[in-house]
Amino acid sequence: MAQAKAHHTKSLTKWSSDWDSAASAYEKAAQTFTHLGVDEKAKNAWLQASHAHEKAKNPFFAAKAIESLANYLKDKAAKNEEIAKEVSELYVRAARMYALDGKPERQSDALAKAARLAPAGDAASAAKLVLQGLDALEDNEKHHLTLDLYRSVVLLQVRGNLILDAITTLKREVKTFEKLQQPQGAAKAGLEIIVLCLAIGDWVLADREFKSMQGDFFGFAHSKEQSAAYGLISAIEERDEDALKDAIKDSALQFIIPEISRMAKKLTINLSNAPAGKKKLQSAGMTSNVAKPAQDDDDEDDLK
C-alpha cells in the first residue's frame, strides 16, 4: 500500500502522479488481502485501486476493481442485511462505471447481481435494477441478450404479486421478439398475459387484451397460444366448468413460464367481473369476427 501511495504522491522531485502504476500496486495489495481474508484492508485496497484507475481515466478497470470487492464480500451478504445492501450498492456503482466506458453487457450483468441481493420482500426494487440493465442493452441494440433478463423480471414481478407490472413487462418483451423475428416467443408472451389477467380475477381486462392482440400484436393471431387463450376466456365467460377443465389442459400452457402455467391450472369460473351466465361471445365483448383458431394435431411438436 505504501508503494502504491508513493506512485501518486507529489514531491519536490516528482511533479506529477503516476496513477496507472498506483492502480497496479493497489490491485496487487487488494488481491493479497483478499486471499488472506483481511476484510477491511482488502476493501480499502480495492477502493483505492478503483480510485486510481478513475484518476488514470480507465473507467473499465475502475469498475472491475469495485466489482471485485463486491464479489469478495458477496458470500458474507447472505447472513447480513447491511452487508447485502452495501454489496448491492457496489454492484450498482460498478454498473455506472461500465456505462461510462460503453460496456452495456457488463453494466447489465452488474445490475442483475445487485438485484439478486435485494431484500426478499422487495421485488419491485429488484425488478427495477434488472430493467435498468435491459434498458442499457436495448439502447445499444443488443436485443438478443435481453430474453433471459425479461424472464427474470417477469418472475420477480409474479412472485412479488406485481401482476400488472408483469403484464407490462411481457408487452415490452413482445416488441423485442418482433425485432428478433421470433413469433413463437411473442405468442407465448401473449398467452401469459391472458393467464395473468384471469389469475387476478379480471375477465374484462383479459377480454380487452385478447381483442387487442388480434391487431398489431406480433405473432399471436392464428397461433396455438391464441387458441389456448380463447379457450380460457370463453369457458369463463360462459361459466362452463367442463370447458375450463379442458382449456387448462391445452398443451400450449405447458410451454409458457412454469409459474404462470401453474396459475392457469388454478383458474376458476368465479371471476368477479366475468359475464353472469352464458352469453354469446360478441355480446360479452368478444368481437364477432374473431373466430377460434383451428387446433393442429401436432401442437406439441410445433412448440418444441
C-alpha atoms as a PDB file:
ATOM      1  CA  MET A   1       0.000   0.000   0.000  1.00  0.00           C
ATOM      2  CA  ALA A   2       2.885   2.360   0.799  1.00  0.00           C
ATOM      3  CA  GLN A   3       4.419   1.684  -2.599  1.00  0.00           C
ATOM      4  CA  ALA A   4       1.104   2.397  -4.287  1.00  0.00           C
ATOM      5  CA  LYS A   5       0.730   5.669  -2.425  1.00  0.00           C
ATOM      6  CA  ALA A   6       4.250   6.673  -3.421  1.00  0.00           C
ATOM      7  CA  HIS A   7       3.315   6.417  -7.095  1.00  0.00           C
ATOM      8  CA  HIS A   8       0.712   9.176  -6.839  1.00  0.00           C
ATOM      9  CA  THR A   9       2.251  11.363  -4.121  1.00  0.00           C
ATOM     10  CA  LYS A  10       3.898  14.511  -5.445  1.00  0.00           C
ATOM     11  CA  SER A  11       7.156  15.863  -4.047  1.00  0.00           C
ATOM     12  CA  LEU A  12       9.888  18.350  -4.831  1.00  0.00           C
ATOM     13  CA  THR A  13      11.448  15.841  -7.202  1.00  0.00           C
ATOM     14  CA  LYS A  14       8.193  14.355  -8.505  1.00  0.00           C
ATOM     15  CA  TRP A  15       5.795  16.845 -10.001  1.00  0.00           C
ATOM     16  CA  SER A  16       3.129  14.513 -11.371  1.00  0.00           C
ATOM     17  CA  SER A  17       1.256  11.451 -10.160  1.00  0.00           C
ATOM     18  CA  ASP A  18       1.620   8.070 -11.826  1.00  0.00           C
ATOM     19  CA  TRP A  19      -1.939   6.810 -11.380  1.00  0.00           C
ATOM     20  CA  ASP A  20      -1.502   3.778 -13.626  1.00  0.00           C
ATOM     21  CA  SER A  21       1.351   2.438 -11.507  1.00  0.00           C
ATOM     22  CA  ALA A  22      -0.547   3.319  -8.343  1.00  0.00           C
ATOM     23  CA  ALA A  23      -3.601   1.403  -9.553  1.00  0.00           C
ATOM     24  CA  SER A  24      -1.497  -1.651 -10.348  1.00  0.00           C
ATOM     25  CA  ALA A  25       0.136  -1.585  -6.912  1.00  0.00           C
ATOM     26  CA  TYR A  26      -3.202  -1.133  -5.130  1.00  0.00           C
ATOM     27  CA  GLU A  27      -4.638  -4.083  -7.056  1.00  0.00           C
ATOM     28  CA  LYS A  28      -1.743  -6.320  -6.046  1.00  0.00           C
ATOM     29  CA  ALA A  29      -2.287  -5.345  -2.421  1.00  0.00           C
ATOM     30  CA  ALA A  30      -6.039  -5.930  -2.764  1.00  0.00           C
ATOM     31  CA  GLN A  31      -5.506  -9.389  -4.209  1.00  0.00           C
ATOM     32  CA  THR A  32      -3.145 -10.278  -1.362  1.00  0.00           C
ATOM     33  CA  PHE A  33      -5.540  -9.068   1.343  1.00  0.00           C
ATOM     34  CA  THR A  34      -8.431 -10.819  -0.410  1.00  0.00           C
ATOM     35  CA  HIS A  35      -6.506 -14.094  -0.473  1.00  0.00           C
ATOM     36  CA  LEU A  36      -5.670 -13.712   3.228  1.00  0.00           C
ATOM     37  CA  GLY A  37      -9.265 -12.795   4.099  1.00  0.00           C
ATOM     38  CA  VAL A  38      -8.353  -9.484   5.727  1.00  0.00           C
ATOM     39  CA  ASP A  39     -11.664  -7.755   5.063  1.00  0.00           C
ATOM     40  CA  GLU A  40     -11.044  -4.106   5.903  1.00  0.00           C
ATOM     41  CA  LYS A  41      -7.639  -3.961   4.244  1.00  0.00           C
ATOM     42  CA  ALA A  42      -8.958  -5.745   1.161  1.00  0.00           C
ATOM     43  CA  LYS A  43     -11.887  -3.354   0.984  1.00  0.00           C
ATOM     44  CA  ASN A  44      -9.658  -0.294   1.316  1.00  0.00           C
ATOM     45  CA  ALA A  45      -7.213  -1.573  -1.293  1.00  0.00           C
ATOM     46  CA  TRP A  46      -9.927  -2.330  -3.877  1.00  0.00           C
ATOM     47  CA  LEU A  47     -11.476   1.102  -3.341  1.00  0.00           C
ATOM     48  CA  GLN A  48      -8.083   2.773  -3.702  1.00  0.00           C
ATOM     49  CA  ALA A  49      -7.400   0.756  -6.845  1.00  0.00           C
ATOM     50  CA  SER A  50     -10.706   1.870  -8.340  1.00  0.00           C
ATOM     51  CA  HIS A  51      -9.980   5.499  -7.448  1.00  0.00           C
ATOM     52  CA  ALA A  52      -6.531   5.291  -9.041  1.00  0.00           C
ATOM     53  CA  HIS A  53      -7.993   3.823 -12.235  1.00  0.00           C
ATOM     54  CA  GLU A  54     -10.525   6.660 -12.339  1.00  0.00           C
ATOM     55  CA  LYS A  55      -7.725   9.193 -11.967  1.00  0.00           C
ATOM     56  CA  ALA A  56      -5.920   7.445 -14.813  1.00  0.00           C
ATOM     57  CA  LYS A  57      -9.140   7.735 -16.858  1.00  0.00           C
ATOM     58  CA  ASN A  58      -9.673   3.987 -17.068  1.00  0.00           C
ATOM     59  CA  PRO A  59     -13.368   3.555 -16.116  1.00  0.00           C
ATOM     60  CA  PHE A  60     -13.445  -0.108 -17.168  1.00  0.00           C
ATOM     61  CA  PHE A  61     -10.710  -1.116 -14.727  1.00  0.00           C
ATOM     62  CA  ALA A  62     -12.181   1.177 -12.073  1.00  0.00           C
ATOM     63  CA  ALA A  63     -15.446  -0.727 -12.439  1.00  0.00           C
ATOM     64  CA  LYS A  64     -13.688  -4.100 -12.331  1.00  0.00           C
ATOM     65  CA  ALA A  65     -11.997  -3.174  -9.042  1.00  0.00           C
ATOM     66  CA  ILE A  66     -15.333  -2.253  -7.461  1.00  0.00           C
ATOM     67  CA  GLU A  67     -16.916  -5.432  -8.811  1.00  0.00           C
ATOM     68  CA  SER A  68     -14.019  -7.489  -7.426  1.00  0.00           C
ATOM     69  CA  LEU A  69     -14.693  -6.005  -3.995  1.00  0.00           C
ATOM     70  CA  ALA A  70     -18.405  -6.786  -4.333  1.00  0.00           C
ATOM     71  CA  ASN A  71     -17.631 -10.358  -5.374  1.00  0.00           C
ATOM     72  CA  TYR A  72     -15.356 -10.753  -2.354  1.00  0.00           C
ATOM     73  CA  LEU A  73     -17.996  -9.505   0.092  1.00  0.00           C
ATOM     74  CA  LYS A  74     -20.921 -11.294  -1.574  1.00  0.00           C
ATOM     75  CA  ASP A  75     -20.632 -14.525   0.421  1.00  0.00           C
ATOM     76  CA  LYS A  76     -20.879 -12.579   3.657  1.00  0.00           C
ATOM     77  CA  ALA A  77     -24.010 -10.785   2.417  1.00  0.00           C
ATOM     78  CA  ALA A  78     -26.176 -13.896   2.768  1.00  0.00           C
ATOM     79  CA  LYS A  79     -26.008 -13.656   6.557  1.00  0.00           C
ATOM     80  CA  ASN A  80     -26.040  -9.884   6.991  1.00  0.00           C
ATOM     81  CA  GLU A  81     -28.603  -7.478   5.528  1.00  0.00           C
ATOM     82  CA  GLU A  82     -26.333  -4.466   5.963  1.00  0.00           C
ATOM     83  CA  ILE A  83     -23.535  -6.149   4.037  1.00  0.00           C
ATOM     84  CA  ALA A  84     -26.047  -7.242   1.384  1.00  0.00           C
ATOM     85  CA  LYS A  85     -27.132  -3.630   0.946  1.00  0.00           C
ATOM     86  CA  GLU A  86     -23.511  -2.471   0.747  1.00  0.00           C
ATOM     87  CA  VAL A  87     -22.619  -5.119  -1.833  1.00  0.00           C
ATOM     88  CA  SER A  88     -25.690  -4.292  -3.913  1.00  0.00           C
ATOM     89  CA  GLU A  89     -24.651  -0.633  -3.936  1.00  0.00           C
ATOM     90  CA  LEU A  90     -21.140  -1.638  -5.016  1.00  0.00           C
ATOM     91  CA  TYR A  91     -22.547  -3.550  -7.991  1.00  0.00           C
ATOM     92  CA  VAL A  92     -24.684  -0.544  -8.939  1.00  0.00           C
ATOM     93  CA  ARG A  93     -21.610   1.677  -8.661  1.00  0.00           C
ATOM     94  CA  ALA A  94     -19.665  -0.694 -10.901  1.00  0.00           C
ATOM     95  CA  ALA A  95     -22.551  -0.671 -13.382  1.00  0.00           C
ATOM     96  CA  ARG A  96     -22.392   3.120 -13.633  1.00  0.00           C
ATOM     97  CA  MET A  97     -18.670   2.925 -14.396  1.00  0.00           C
ATOM     98  CA  TYR A  98     -19.215   0.268 -17.049  1.00  0.00           C
ATOM     99  CA  ALA A  99     -21.822   2.559 -18.589  1.00  0.00           C
ATOM    100  CA  LEU A 100     -19.264   5.376 -18.761  1.00  0.00           C
ATOM    101  CA  ASP A 101     -16.943   3.031 -20.632  1.00  0.00           C
ATOM    102  CA  GLY A 102     -19.668   1.947 -23.066  1.00  0.00           C
ATOM    103  CA  LYS A 103     -19.921  -1.632 -21.796  1.00  0.00           C
ATOM    104  CA  PRO A 104     -23.688  -2.339 -21.653  1.00  0.00           C
ATOM    105  CA  GLU A 105     -23.261  -6.089 -21.201  1.00  0.00           C
ATOM    106  CA  ARG A 106     -21.047  -5.623 -18.155  1.00  0.00           C
ATOM    107  CA  GLN A 107     -23.395  -2.918 -16.901  1.00  0.00           C
ATOM    108  CA  SER A 108     -26.421  -5.181 -17.214  1.00  0.00           C
ATOM    109  CA  ASP A 109     -24.629  -8.090 -15.548  1.00  0.00           C
ATOM    110  CA  ALA A 110     -23.605  -5.948 -12.569  1.00  0.00           C
ATOM    111  CA  LEU A 111     -27.166  -4.663 -12.157  1.00  0.00           C
ATOM    112  CA  ALA A 112     -28.504  -8.225 -12.247  1.00  0.00           C
ATOM    113  CA  LYS A 113     -26.074  -9.139  -9.461  1.00  0.00           C
ATOM    114  CA  ALA A 114     -27.290  -6.151  -7.455  1.00  0.00           C
ATOM    115  CA  ALA A 115     -30.892  -7.258  -7.978  1.00  0.00           C
ATOM    116  CA  ARG A 116     -30.175 -10.695  -6.547  1.00  0.00           C
ATOM    117  CA  LEU A 117     -29.158  -9.031  -3.285  1.00  0.00           C
ATOM    118  CA  ALA A 118     -32.394  -7.077  -2.872  1.00  0.00           C
ATOM    119  CA  PRO A 119     -34.421  -7.944   0.253  1.00  0.00           C
ATOM    120  CA  ALA A 120     -36.709 -10.937  -0.231  1.00  0.00           C
ATOM    121  CA  GLY A 121     -39.846  -8.824   0.111  1.00  0.00           C
ATOM    122  CA  ASP A 122     -38.751  -6.080  -2.262  1.00  0.00           C
ATOM    123  CA  ALA A 123     -39.450  -7.497  -5.699  1.00  0.00           C
ATOM    124  CA  ALA A 124     -40.108  -4.027  -7.094  1.00  0.00           C
ATOM    125  CA  SER A 125     -36.576  -2.793  -6.368  1.00  0.00           C
ATOM    126  CA  ALA A 126     -35.011  -5.962  -7.744  1.00  0.00           C
ATOM    127  CA  ALA A 127     -37.082  -5.763 -10.925  1.00  0.00           C
ATOM    128  CA  LYS A 128     -36.183  -2.091 -11.350  1.00  0.00           C
ATOM    129  CA  LEU A 129     -32.465  -2.916 -11.332  1.00  0.00           C
ATOM    130  CA  VAL A 130     -32.847  -5.667 -13.931  1.00  0.00           C
ATOM    131  CA  LEU A 131     -34.975  -3.361 -16.085  1.00  0.00           C
ATOM    132  CA  GLN A 132     -32.177  -0.778 -15.981  1.00  0.00           C
ATOM    133  CA  GLY A 133     -29.890  -3.460 -17.362  1.00  0.00           C
ATOM    134  CA  LEU A 134     -32.454  -4.198 -20.068  1.00  0.00           C
ATOM    135  CA  ASP A 135     -32.546  -0.516 -20.975  1.00  0.00           C
ATOM    136  CA  ALA A 136     -28.760  -0.474 -21.363  1.00  0.00           C
ATOM    137  CA  LEU A 137     -28.779  -3.477 -23.684  1.00  0.00           C
ATOM    138  CA  GLU A 138     -31.708  -2.276 -25.777  1.00  0.00           C
ATOM    139  CA  ASP A 139     -30.269   1.233 -26.084  1.00  0.00           C
ATOM    140  CA  ASN A 140     -27.240  -0.423 -27.646  1.00  0.00           C
ATOM    141  CA  GLU A 141     -29.303  -2.698 -29.940  1.00  0.00           C
ATOM    142  CA  LYS A 142     -28.276  -5.860 -28.088  1.00  0.00           C
ATOM    143  CA  HIS A 143     -31.795  -7.272 -28.099  1.00  0.00           C
ATOM    144  CA  HIS A 144     -30.615 -10.874 -28.408  1.00  0.00           C
ATOM    145  CA  LEU A 145     -29.133 -10.637 -24.905  1.00  0.00           C
ATOM    146  CA  THR A 146     -32.324  -9.477 -23.200  1.00  0.00           C
ATOM    147  CA  LEU A 147     -34.620 -12.500 -23.248  1.00  0.00           C
ATOM    148  CA  ASP A 148     -33.290 -14.168 -20.093  1.00  0.00           C
ATOM    149  CA  LEU A 149     -33.485 -10.825 -18.311  1.00  0.00           C
ATOM    150  CA  TYR A 150     -37.106 -10.382 -19.356  1.00  0.00           C
ATOM    151  CA  ARG A 151     -37.880 -13.774 -17.882  1.00  0.00           C
ATOM    152  CA  SER A 152     -36.117 -12.791 -14.648  1.00  0.00           C
ATOM    153  CA  VAL A 153     -38.131  -9.587 -14.371  1.00  0.00           C
ATOM    154  CA  VAL A 154     -41.450 -11.332 -15.004  1.00  0.00           C
ATOM    155  CA  LEU A 155     -40.626 -13.985 -12.401  1.00  0.00           C
ATOM    156  CA  LEU A 156     -39.711 -11.319  -9.844  1.00  0.00           C
ATOM    157  CA  GLN A 157     -42.940  -9.448 -10.520  1.00  0.00           C
ATOM    158  CA  VAL A 158     -45.151 -12.543 -10.445  1.00  0.00           C
ATOM    159  CA  ARG A 159     -43.579 -13.849  -7.243  1.00  0.00           C
ATOM    160  CA  GLY A 160     -43.893 -10.392  -5.717  1.00  0.00           C
ATOM    161  CA  ASN A 161     -47.581 -10.259  -6.721  1.00  0.00           C
ATOM    162  CA  LEU A 162     -46.866  -7.337  -9.051  1.00  0.00           C
ATOM    163  CA  ILE A 163     -49.083  -8.829 -11.734  1.00  0.00           C
ATOM    164  CA  LEU A 164     -49.937  -5.650 -13.637  1.00  0.00           C
ATOM    165  CA  ASP A 165     -46.229  -4.820 -13.785  1.00  0.00           C
ATOM    166  CA  ALA A 166     -45.557  -8.317 -15.140  1.00  0.00           C
ATOM    167  CA  ILE A 167     -48.166  -7.767 -17.856  1.00  0.00           C
ATOM    168  CA  THR A 168     -46.460  -4.503 -18.820  1.00  0.00           C
ATOM    169  CA  THR A 169     -43.082  -6.251 -18.966  1.00  0.00           C
ATOM    170  CA  LEU A 170     -44.469  -9.020 -21.174  1.00  0.00           C
ATOM    171  CA  LYS A 171     -45.894  -6.455 -23.590  1.00  0.00           C
ATOM    172  CA  ARG A 172     -42.485  -4.832 -23.788  1.00  0.00           C
ATOM    173  CA  GLU A 173     -40.872  -8.215 -24.396  1.00  0.00           C
ATOM    174  CA  VAL A 174     -43.174  -8.807 -27.363  1.00  0.00           C
ATOM    175  CA  LYS A 175     -41.587  -5.814 -29.104  1.00  0.00           C
ATOM    176  CA  THR A 176     -38.199  -7.446 -28.599  1.00  0.00           C
ATOM    177  CA  PHE A 177     -39.477 -10.714 -30.044  1.00  0.00           C
ATOM    178  CA  GLU A 178     -40.674  -8.730 -33.047  1.00  0.00           C
ATOM    179  CA  LYS A 179     -37.242  -7.146 -33.534  1.00  0.00           C
ATOM    180  CA  LEU A 180     -35.692 -10.608 -33.332  1.00  0.00           C
ATOM    181  CA  GLN A 181     -38.387 -12.085 -35.601  1.00  0.00           C
ATOM    182  CA  GLN A 182     -39.367 -14.743 -33.057  1.00  0.00           C
ATOM    183  CA  PRO A 183     -43.171 -15.032 -33.381  1.00  0.00           C
ATOM    184  CA  GLN A 184     -43.397 -18.140 -31.197  1.00  0.00           C
ATOM    185  CA  GLY A 185     -41.871 -16.307 -28.237  1.00  0.00           C
ATOM    186  CA  ALA A 186     -44.287 -13.423 -28.759  1.00  0.00           C
ATOM    187  CA  ALA A 187     -47.258 -15.801 -28.900  1.00  0.00           C
ATOM    188  CA  LYS A 188     -46.236 -17.376 -25.587  1.00  0.00           C
ATOM    189  CA  ALA A 189     -45.965 -13.930 -24.023  1.00  0.00           C
ATOM    190  CA  GLY A 190     -49.468 -13.159 -25.278  1.00  0.00           C
ATOM    191  CA  LEU A 191     -50.853 -16.291 -23.634  1.00  0.00           C
ATOM    192  CA  GLU A 192     -49.007 -15.440 -20.420  1.00  0.00           C
ATOM    193  CA  ILE A 193     -50.652 -12.009 -20.417  1.00  0.00           C
ATOM    194  CA  ILE A 194     -54.128 -13.541 -20.708  1.00  0.00           C
ATOM    195  CA  VAL A 195     -53.448 -16.045 -17.915  1.00  0.00           C
ATOM    196  CA  LEU A 196     -52.187 -13.275 -15.619  1.00  0.00           C
ATOM    197  CA  CYS A 197     -55.279 -11.151 -16.304  1.00  0.00           C
ATOM    198  CA  LEU A 198     -57.531 -14.075 -15.417  1.00  0.00           C
ATOM    199  CA  ALA A 199     -55.393 -15.044 -12.420  1.00  0.00           C
ATOM    200  CA  ILE A 200     -56.098 -11.677 -10.780  1.00  0.00           C
ATOM    201  CA  GLY A 201     -59.804 -12.189 -11.424  1.00  0.00           C
ATOM    202  CA  ASP A 202     -60.129  -9.581 -14.174  1.00  0.00           C
ATOM    203  CA  TRP A 203     -62.049 -11.137 -17.068  1.00  0.00           C
ATOM    204  CA  VAL A 204     -62.729  -7.716 -18.600  1.00  0.00           C
ATOM    205  CA  LEU A 205     -59.008  -6.957 -18.783  1.00  0.00           C
ATOM    206  CA  ALA A 206     -58.328 -10.401 -20.256  1.00  0.00           C
ATOM    207  CA  ASP A 207     -61.029  -9.848 -22.877  1.00  0.00           C
ATOM    208  CA  ARG A 208     -59.661  -6.412 -23.754  1.00  0.00           C
ATOM    209  CA  GLU A 209     -56.091  -7.666 -24.033  1.00  0.00           C
ATOM    210  CA  PHE A 210     -57.207 -10.629 -26.154  1.00  0.00           C
ATOM    211  CA  LYS A 211     -59.009  -8.358 -28.599  1.00  0.00           C
ATOM    212  CA  SER A 212     -56.029  -6.002 -28.838  1.00  0.00           C
ATOM    213  CA  MET A 213     -53.795  -8.936 -29.738  1.00  0.00           C
ATOM    214  CA  GLN A 214     -55.745  -9.557 -32.929  1.00  0.00           C
ATOM    215  CA  GLY A 215     -54.288  -6.404 -34.450  1.00  0.00           C
ATOM    216  CA  ASP A 216     -50.666  -5.297 -34.265  1.00  0.00           C
ATOM    217  CA  PHE A 217     -49.621  -7.758 -31.561  1.00  0.00           C
ATOM    218  CA  PHE A 218     -46.790  -9.634 -33.274  1.00  0.00           C
ATOM    219  CA  GLY A 219     -47.026 -13.420 -33.506  1.00  0.00           C
ATOM    220  CA  PHE A 220     -50.254 -14.042 -31.595  1.00  0.00           C
ATOM    221  CA  ALA A 221     -53.019 -14.159 -34.200  1.00  0.00           C
ATOM    222  CA  HIS A 222     -53.740 -17.666 -35.545  1.00  0.00           C
ATOM    223  CA  SER A 223     -51.247 -19.236 -33.138  1.00  0.00           C
ATOM    224  CA  LYS A 224     -51.799 -22.190 -30.808  1.00  0.00           C
ATOM    225  CA  GLU A 225     -51.390 -19.763 -27.933  1.00  0.00           C
ATOM    226  CA  GLN A 226     -54.284 -17.695 -29.265  1.00  0.00           C
ATOM    227  CA  SER A 227     -56.410 -20.836 -29.336  1.00  0.00           C
ATOM    228  CA  ALA A 228     -55.477 -21.654 -25.738  1.00  0.00           C
ATOM    229  CA  ALA A 229     -56.240 -18.107 -24.588  1.00  0.00           C
ATOM    230  CA  TYR A 230     -59.587 -18.169 -26.390  1.00  0.00           C
ATOM    231  CA  GLY A 231     -60.479 -21.418 -24.646  1.00  0.00           C
ATOM    232  CA  LEU A 232     -59.806 -19.956 -21.204  1.00  0.00           C
ATOM    233  CA  ILE A 233     -61.664 -16.707 -21.804  1.00  0.00           C
ATOM    234  CA  SER A 234     -64.707 -18.275 -23.452  1.00  0.00           C
ATOM    235  CA  ALA A 235     -65.035 -21.013 -20.800  1.00  0.00           C
ATOM    236  CA  ILE A 236     -65.064 -18.432 -18.014  1.00  0.00           C
ATOM    237  CA  GLU A 237     -67.393 -16.155 -19.966  1.00  0.00           C
ATOM    238  CA  GLU A 238     -69.909 -18.973 -20.421  1.00  0.00           C
ATOM    239  CA  ARG A 239     -69.450 -20.257 -16.845  1.00  0.00           C
ATOM    240  CA  ASP A 240     -68.705 -23.675 -18.272  1.00  0.00           C
ATOM    241  CA  GLU A 241     -66.675 -25.680 -15.764  1.00  0.00           C
ATOM    242  CA  ASP A 242     -66.147 -28.618 -18.111  1.00  0.00           C
ATOM    243  CA  ALA A 243     -64.912 -26.324 -20.860  1.00  0.00           C
ATOM    244  CA  LEU A 244     -62.492 -24.681 -18.416  1.00  0.00           C
ATOM    245  CA  LYS A 245     -61.145 -28.069 -17.336  1.00  0.00           C
ATOM    246  CA  ASP A 246     -60.480 -28.854 -20.984  1.00  0.00           C
ATOM    247  CA  ALA A 247     -58.977 -25.417 -21.629  1.00  0.00           C
ATOM    248  CA  ILE A 248     -56.386 -25.661 -18.861  1.00  0.00           C
ATOM    249  CA  LYS A 249     -55.208 -28.964 -20.336  1.00  0.00           C
ATOM    250  CA  ASP A 250     -54.232 -27.258 -23.586  1.00  0.00           C
ATOM    251  CA  SER A 251     -50.665 -28.246 -24.471  1.00  0.00           C
ATOM    252  CA  ALA A 252     -49.724 -24.622 -25.166  1.00  0.00           C
ATOM    253  CA  LEU A 253     -49.936 -23.925 -21.431  1.00  0.00           C
ATOM    254  CA  GLN A 254     -47.153 -26.432 -20.799  1.00  0.00           C
ATOM    255  CA  PHE A 255     -44.617 -24.326 -22.671  1.00  0.00           C
ATOM    256  CA  ILE A 256     -45.021 -20.938 -21.003  1.00  0.00           C
ATOM    257  CA  ILE A 257     -43.271 -19.741 -17.829  1.00  0.00           C
ATOM    258  CA  PRO A 258     -43.910 -22.533 -15.275  1.00  0.00           C
ATOM    259  CA  GLU A 259     -45.200 -20.214 -12.543  1.00  0.00           C
ATOM    260  CA  ILE A 260     -47.756 -18.754 -14.941  1.00  0.00           C
ATOM    261  CA  SER A 261     -48.670 -22.212 -16.211  1.00  0.00           C
ATOM    262  CA  ARG A 262     -49.454 -23.249 -12.631  1.00  0.00           C
ATOM    263  CA  MET A 263     -51.603 -20.149 -12.223  1.00  0.00           C
ATOM    264  CA  ALA A 264     -53.605 -21.228 -15.274  1.00  0.00           C
ATOM    265  CA  LYS A 265     -54.328 -24.601 -13.698  1.00  0.00           C
ATOM    266  CA  LYS A 266     -55.838 -22.866 -10.666  1.00  0.00           C
ATOM    267  CA  LEU A 267     -58.297 -20.726 -12.641  1.00  0.00           C
ATOM    268  CA  THR A 268     -61.995 -20.966 -11.805  1.00  0.00           C
ATOM    269  CA  ILE A 269     -65.128 -19.677 -13.485  1.00  0.00           C
ATOM    270  CA  ASN A 270     -65.993 -17.499 -10.490  1.00  0.00           C
ATOM    271  CA  LEU A 271     -64.268 -14.282 -11.546  1.00  0.00           C
ATOM    272  CA  SER A 272     -65.774 -11.149 -10.050  1.00  0.00           C
ATOM    273  CA  ASN A 273     -66.296  -9.303 -13.322  1.00  0.00           C
ATOM    274  CA  ALA A 274     -66.925 -12.213 -15.668  1.00  0.00           C
ATOM    275  CA  PRO A 275     -70.266 -12.152 -17.517  1.00  0.00           C
ATOM    276  CA  ALA A 276     -73.124 -13.548 -15.451  1.00  0.00           C
ATOM    277  CA  GLY A 277     -74.388 -16.686 -17.125  1.00  0.00           C
ATOM    278  CA  LYS A 278     -73.960 -17.964 -20.651  1.00  0.00           C
ATOM    279  CA  LYS A 279     -73.855 -15.398 -23.418  1.00  0.00           C
ATOM    280  CA  LYS A 280     -72.662 -15.295 -26.977  1.00  0.00           C
ATOM    281  CA  LEU A 281     -69.103 -14.103 -27.240  1.00  0.00           C
ATOM    282  CA  GLN A 282     -69.856 -10.938 -29.162  1.00  0.00           C
ATOM    283  CA  SER A 283     -72.341  -9.747 -26.511  1.00  0.00           C
ATOM    284  CA  ALA A 284     -69.718 -10.022 -23.780  1.00  0.00           C
ATOM    285  CA  GLY A 285     -67.003  -8.086 -25.506  1.00  0.00           C
ATOM    286  CA  MET A 286     -65.512 -10.602 -27.945  1.00  0.00           C
ATOM    287  CA  THR A 287     -65.723  -9.254 -31.442  1.00  0.00           C
ATOM    288  CA  SER A 288     -67.879 -11.401 -33.660  1.00  0.00           C
ATOM    289  CA  ASN A 289     -65.253 -11.556 -36.404  1.00  0.00           C
ATOM    290  CA  VAL A 290     -62.636 -13.216 -34.162  1.00  0.00           C
ATOM    291  CA  ALA A 291     -63.041 -16.916 -34.732  1.00  0.00           C
ATOM    292  CA  LYS A 292     -61.439 -19.587 -32.618  1.00  0.00           C
ATOM    293  CA  PRO A 293     -58.228 -20.684 -34.393  1.00  0.00           C
ATOM    294  CA  ALA A 294     -58.000 -24.228 -35.665  1.00  0.00           C
ATOM    295  CA  GLN A 295     -56.062 -26.613 -33.428  1.00  0.00           C
ATOM    296  CA  ASP A 296     -53.372 -28.558 -35.269  1.00  0.00           C
ATOM    297  CA  ASP A 297     -52.813 -32.212 -34.474  1.00  0.00           C
ATOM    298  CA  ASP A 298     -49.096 -31.674 -33.964  1.00  0.00           C
ATOM    299  CA  ASP A 299     -49.320 -28.877 -31.384  1.00  0.00           C
ATOM    300  CA  GLU A 300     -46.694 -30.298 -29.080  1.00  0.00           C
ATOM    301  CA  ASP A 301     -44.128 -30.874 -31.819  1.00  0.00           C
ATOM    302  CA  ASP A 302     -44.534 -27.348 -33.189  1.00  0.00           C
ATOM    303  CA  LEU A 303     -43.946 -25.845 -29.763  1.00  0.00           C
ATOM    304  CA  LYS A 304     -40.696 -27.607 -29.072  1.00  0.00           C
END
